[in-house]
């Protein structure tokens, strides 16, 4: 937190010309890599801020840390609270443990495969949608799926951190979301486990489960939420929906 809302938070570089990365991103990446790989030297390592020079090394490990040092970097740089640190352990292509730390919000989400999801230690379990579902998606995307929800829906304001947005599904604050193409494993590895352990789903548009820690860690468009809320999106939302 010593970088947050300080001068170093404004020490920003740009990846691919449009994606910001701050001094805080690099500091968290260094800290976590040092601590986690020291504790588990046999685990692989995949992080947004570490160059993935030899993917075969992490793929050959029995388990791999998948890390986003700061998910929601734009919010972090702007001094907003909606960013988090995401850490997951992936085994055989699926997450078996995950933590989202949201220090500016005072929130910690964690999940273990088969052991449920928690927010600040309290168990999470999705409840039936009592009214029009609350969906987090751009208005243009919602226009595409409008006919799939004859009873109507409500639009949730944009949440810049994808991992935190998915956590809001796990804790019931949002019922569903649409994720544009080119999310990466580090964006979804921990939060996806939070959702599944709370009773929801995170799927590609063909409805298939996701495989993590493959050689290519870039994902197609995704949908997430309660199964009955997400179901009408399949076959309606396509890659072409995103232009």
Protein backbone atom coordinates (compact mmCIF):
# COMPACT_ATOMS: atom_id res chain seq x y z
CA UNK A 1 0.00 0.00 0.00
CA UNK A 2 2.98 2.36 0.30
CA UNK A 3 2.77 3.08 -3.44
CA UNK A 4 -1.02 3.57 -3.52
CA UNK A 5 -2.05 7.23 -3.87
CA UNK A 6 1.61 8.21 -3.63
CA UNK A 7 4.07 9.62 -6.12
CA UNK A 8 5.27 6.14 -7.13
CA UNK A 9 1.72 5.19 -8.18
CA UNK A 10 2.16 7.68 -11.01
CA UNK A 11 5.39 6.00 -12.16
CA UNK A 12 3.66 4.37 -15.13
CA UNK A 13 4.87 2.50 -18.19
CA UNK A 14 2.76 1.33 -21.11
CA UNK A 15 2.56 -2.20 -22.49
CA UNK A 16 1.55 -2.67 -26.10
CA UNK A 17 0.89 1.05 -26.29
CA UNK A 18 -2.37 0.99 -24.33
CA UNK A 19 -2.09 -1.06 -21.13
CA UNK A 20 -0.61 0.74 -18.10
CA UNK A 21 1.70 -0.88 -15.58
CA UNK A 22 2.80 0.93 -12.43
CA UNK A 23 5.73 0.71 -10.05
CA UNK A 24 3.29 -0.94 -7.65
CA UNK A 25 2.62 -3.76 -10.14
CA UNK A 26 6.32 -4.55 -10.37
CA UNK A 27 6.86 -4.27 -6.61
CA UNK A 28 4.02 -6.70 -5.82
CA UNK A 29 5.23 -9.08 -8.52
CA UNK A 30 8.76 -9.15 -7.07
CA UNK A 31 7.51 -9.61 -3.51
CA UNK A 32 5.12 -12.44 -4.33
CA UNK A 33 7.54 -14.27 -6.57
CA UNK A 34 10.26 -14.17 -3.93
CA UNK A 35 7.99 -15.32 -1.10
CA UNK A 36 5.89 -17.89 -2.94
CA UNK A 37 8.61 -19.61 -4.94
CA UNK A 38 10.78 -19.78 -1.84
CA UNK A 39 7.95 -21.50 0.02
CA UNK A 40 7.11 -23.80 -2.92
CA UNK A 41 10.25 -24.09 -5.07
CA UNK A 42 8.80 -26.86 -7.23
CA UNK A 43 5.82 -24.81 -8.40
CA UNK A 44 5.70 -23.07 -11.75
CA UNK A 45 5.21 -19.32 -12.08
CA UNK A 46 2.92 -17.34 -14.37
CA UNK A 47 2.42 -13.63 -13.73
CA UNK A 48 1.24 -10.69 -15.77
CA UNK A 49 4.40 -8.77 -14.90
CA UNK A 50 6.96 -11.57 -15.37
CA UNK A 51 8.07 -12.36 -18.91
CA UNK A 52 6.86 -15.87 -19.79
CA UNK A 53 10.04 -16.87 -21.60
CA UNK A 54 9.74 -20.64 -21.12
CA UNK A 55 6.09 -21.69 -20.83
CA UNK A 56 7.12 -25.35 -20.98
CA UNK A 57 8.75 -24.93 -17.56
CA UNK A 58 5.54 -23.87 -15.81
CA UNK A 59 3.53 -26.40 -17.80
CA UNK A 60 5.77 -29.25 -16.70
CA UNK A 61 5.38 -28.33 -13.01
CA UNK A 62 2.76 -30.28 -11.07
CA UNK A 63 1.35 -27.01 -9.76
CA UNK A 64 1.75 -23.41 -10.90
CA UNK A 65 1.21 -20.05 -9.23
CA UNK A 66 -0.89 -17.81 -11.48
CA UNK A 67 -0.62 -14.20 -10.36
CA UNK A 68 -1.93 -10.77 -11.24
CA UNK A 69 0.07 -8.38 -9.03
CA UNK A 70 -2.53 -5.63 -9.43
CA UNK A 71 -5.75 -6.34 -11.30
CA UNK A 72 -7.36 -3.00 -12.05
CA UNK A 73 -4.16 -1.02 -12.58
CA UNK A 74 -6.02 1.95 -14.05
CA UNK A 75 -8.13 2.24 -10.89
CA UNK A 76 -4.97 1.86 -8.77
CA UNK A 77 -3.21 4.65 -10.67
CA UNK A 78 -6.27 6.90 -10.39
CA UNK A 79 -6.44 6.38 -6.62
CA UNK A 80 -9.71 4.46 -6.74
CA UNK A 81 -10.34 1.52 -4.41
CA UNK A 82 -11.51 -1.09 -6.92
CA UNK A 83 -8.30 -3.03 -7.56
CA UNK A 84 -6.99 -6.26 -6.11
CA UNK A 85 -4.11 -8.71 -5.98
CA UNK A 86 -4.93 -12.11 -7.45
CA UNK A 87 -3.09 -15.34 -6.65
CA UNK A 88 -4.14 -18.85 -7.67
CA UNK A 89 -2.62 -22.31 -7.65
CA UNK A 90 -3.37 -24.27 -10.82
CA UNK A 91 -3.09 -28.03 -11.16
CA UNK A 92 -3.93 -30.03 -14.30
CA UNK A 93 -5.46 -26.97 -15.95
CA UNK A 94 -7.81 -25.96 -13.12
CA UNK A 95 -7.49 -23.75 -10.06
CA UNK A 96 -7.34 -25.59 -6.76
CA UNK A 97 -6.85 -22.55 -4.51
CA UNK A 98 -7.20 -18.82 -4.96
CA UNK A 99 -7.03 -15.54 -3.08
CA UNK A 100 -8.11 -12.04 -4.03
CA UNK A 101 -6.76 -9.37 -1.72
CA UNK A 102 -8.50 -5.99 -2.07
CA UNK A 103 -6.58 -3.89 0.48
CA UNK A 104 -8.14 -0.51 -0.31
CA UNK A 105 -11.59 -2.04 0.22
CA UNK A 106 -10.64 -4.07 3.28
CA UNK A 107 -11.73 -7.28 1.57
CA UNK A 108 -10.16 -10.69 1.19
CA UNK A 109 -11.77 -13.41 -0.90
CA UNK A 110 -10.45 -16.95 -0.85
CA UNK A 111 -11.49 -20.34 -2.16
CA UNK A 112 -10.27 -23.93 -2.14
CA UNK A 113 -11.51 -26.53 -4.60
CA UNK A 114 -14.14 -28.56 -2.79
CA UNK A 115 -13.87 -26.31 0.26
CA UNK A 116 -16.07 -23.36 -0.69
CA UNK A 117 -15.54 -19.63 -1.11
CA UNK A 118 -15.26 -16.98 1.59
CA UNK A 119 -15.21 -13.20 1.92
CA UNK A 120 -13.37 -12.00 5.01
CA UNK A 121 -13.81 -15.48 6.43
CA UNK A 122 -17.57 -15.69 5.87
CA UNK A 123 -18.79 -18.48 3.54
CA UNK A 124 -20.24 -17.43 0.18
CA UNK A 125 -23.11 -19.21 -1.54
CA UNK A 126 -25.14 -17.78 -4.38
CA UNK A 127 -28.83 -17.27 -3.70
CA UNK A 128 -31.69 -17.43 -6.22
CA UNK A 129 -32.28 -14.22 -8.14
CA UNK A 130 -35.35 -12.64 -6.57
CA UNK A 131 -35.92 -9.96 -9.22
CA UNK A 132 -34.57 -8.84 -12.57
CA UNK A 133 -30.97 -10.07 -12.81
CA UNK A 134 -28.20 -7.53 -12.34
CA UNK A 135 -25.76 -7.85 -15.24
CA UNK A 136 -22.38 -6.13 -15.61
CA UNK A 137 -21.79 -5.48 -19.31
CA UNK A 138 -21.49 -2.53 -21.69
CA UNK A 139 -24.77 -1.16 -22.98
CA UNK A 140 -23.92 -2.26 -26.53
CA UNK A 141 -23.53 -5.86 -25.35
CA UNK A 142 -26.74 -5.71 -23.35
CA UNK A 143 -28.57 -4.55 -26.46
CA UNK A 144 -27.48 -7.78 -28.16
CA UNK A 145 -28.87 -9.98 -25.39
CA UNK A 146 -31.99 -7.93 -24.65
CA UNK A 147 -34.36 -10.43 -26.29
CA UNK A 148 -32.89 -13.28 -24.22
CA UNK A 149 -34.32 -11.70 -21.05
CA UNK A 150 -38.02 -11.09 -21.71
CA UNK A 151 -38.55 -10.33 -18.03
CA UNK A 152 -35.92 -7.61 -18.18
CA UNK A 153 -32.63 -7.07 -16.38
CA UNK A 154 -30.69 -4.33 -14.62
CA UNK A 155 -27.29 -2.97 -15.65
CA UNK A 156 -24.50 -2.84 -13.08
CA UNK A 157 -22.00 0.04 -13.36
CA UNK A 158 -18.65 -0.79 -14.89
CA UNK A 159 -16.10 -2.45 -12.58
CA UNK A 160 -12.59 -1.89 -14.02
CA UNK A 161 -10.95 -4.83 -12.24
CA UNK A 162 -12.09 -8.04 -13.91
CA UNK A 163 -11.04 -10.19 -10.95
CA UNK A 164 -12.99 -8.00 -8.52
CA UNK A 165 -16.00 -7.96 -10.85
CA UNK A 166 -16.01 -11.76 -10.83
CA UNK A 167 -15.68 -11.74 -7.04
CA UNK A 168 -18.83 -9.60 -6.90
CA UNK A 169 -20.60 -12.42 -8.71
CA UNK A 170 -19.33 -14.92 -6.14
CA UNK A 171 -20.65 -12.80 -3.26
CA UNK A 172 -24.01 -12.17 -4.93
CA UNK A 173 -23.57 -8.45 -5.63
CA UNK A 174 -23.83 -9.09 -9.38
CA UNK A 175 -25.77 -11.91 -11.06
CA UNK A 176 -23.81 -12.19 -14.32
CA UNK A 177 -21.21 -10.54 -16.51
CA UNK A 178 -19.81 -10.72 -20.02
CA UNK A 179 -16.03 -10.68 -20.42
CA UNK A 180 -14.62 -9.36 -23.67
CA UNK A 181 -12.01 -11.41 -25.55
CA UNK A 182 -8.34 -11.40 -24.55
CA UNK A 183 -8.62 -11.81 -20.80
CA UNK A 184 -5.67 -13.80 -19.48
CA UNK A 185 -5.31 -16.65 -17.02
CA UNK A 186 -4.07 -14.28 -14.30
CA UNK A 187 -7.29 -12.24 -14.57
CA UNK A 188 -9.58 -15.19 -13.91
CA UNK A 189 -7.70 -18.05 -12.19
CA UNK A 190 -8.51 -17.07 -8.60
CA UNK A 191 -11.85 -15.36 -9.23
CA UNK A 192 -13.15 -18.20 -11.38
CA UNK A 193 -12.64 -20.59 -8.47
CA UNK A 194 -14.48 -18.18 -6.17
CA UNK A 195 -17.45 -18.32 -8.53
CA UNK A 196 -17.52 -22.09 -8.98
CA UNK A 197 -17.17 -22.76 -5.26
CA UNK A 198 -20.02 -20.31 -4.58
CA UNK A 199 -22.26 -22.17 -7.03
CA UNK A 200 -21.79 -20.25 -10.28
CA UNK A 201 -20.03 -20.80 -13.59
CA UNK A 202 -17.34 -19.14 -15.72
CA UNK A 203 -17.44 -20.40 -19.29
CA UNK A 204 -16.37 -19.70 -22.83
CA UNK A 205 -19.19 -18.91 -25.25
CA UNK A 206 -19.39 -22.57 -26.31
CA UNK A 207 -20.27 -23.45 -22.72
CA UNK A 208 -17.09 -25.41 -22.13
CA UNK A 209 -14.98 -25.12 -18.95
CA UNK A 210 -11.71 -23.24 -19.24
CA UNK A 211 -8.25 -24.80 -19.26
CA UNK A 212 -5.62 -22.79 -17.39
CA UNK A 213 -1.84 -22.79 -17.66
CA UNK A 214 -1.82 -23.88 -21.30
CA UNK A 215 0.90 -22.54 -23.56
CA UNK A 216 -1.48 -19.81 -24.75
CA UNK A 217 -2.95 -18.03 -21.71
CA UNK A 218 -5.20 -15.64 -23.67
CA UNK A 219 -8.89 -16.42 -23.40
CA UNK A 220 -11.81 -15.85 -25.79
CA UNK A 221 -14.97 -14.00 -24.75
CA UNK A 222 -16.46 -15.39 -21.54
CA UNK A 223 -19.65 -15.29 -19.53
CA UNK A 224 -19.92 -15.74 -15.77
CA UNK A 225 -22.63 -15.87 -13.14
CA UNK A 226 -25.48 -17.99 -11.90
CA UNK A 227 -26.07 -20.78 -14.41
CA UNK A 228 -29.73 -19.91 -14.98
CA UNK A 229 -28.89 -16.24 -15.56
CA UNK A 230 -26.00 -16.98 -17.91
CA UNK A 231 -27.80 -19.70 -19.91
CA UNK A 232 -29.73 -17.29 -22.20
CA UNK A 233 -26.42 -15.73 -23.29
CA UNK A 234 -25.14 -18.89 -24.95
CA UNK A 235 -25.84 -18.72 -28.66
CA UNK A 236 -26.69 -15.01 -28.43
CA UNK A 237 -23.34 -13.54 -27.41
CA UNK A 238 -20.65 -14.40 -29.98
CA UNK A 239 -17.13 -13.23 -30.70
CA UNK A 240 -18.66 -10.99 -33.38
CA UNK A 241 -20.66 -9.22 -30.67
CA UNK A 242 -17.46 -7.46 -29.63
CA UNK A 243 -16.70 -6.11 -33.10
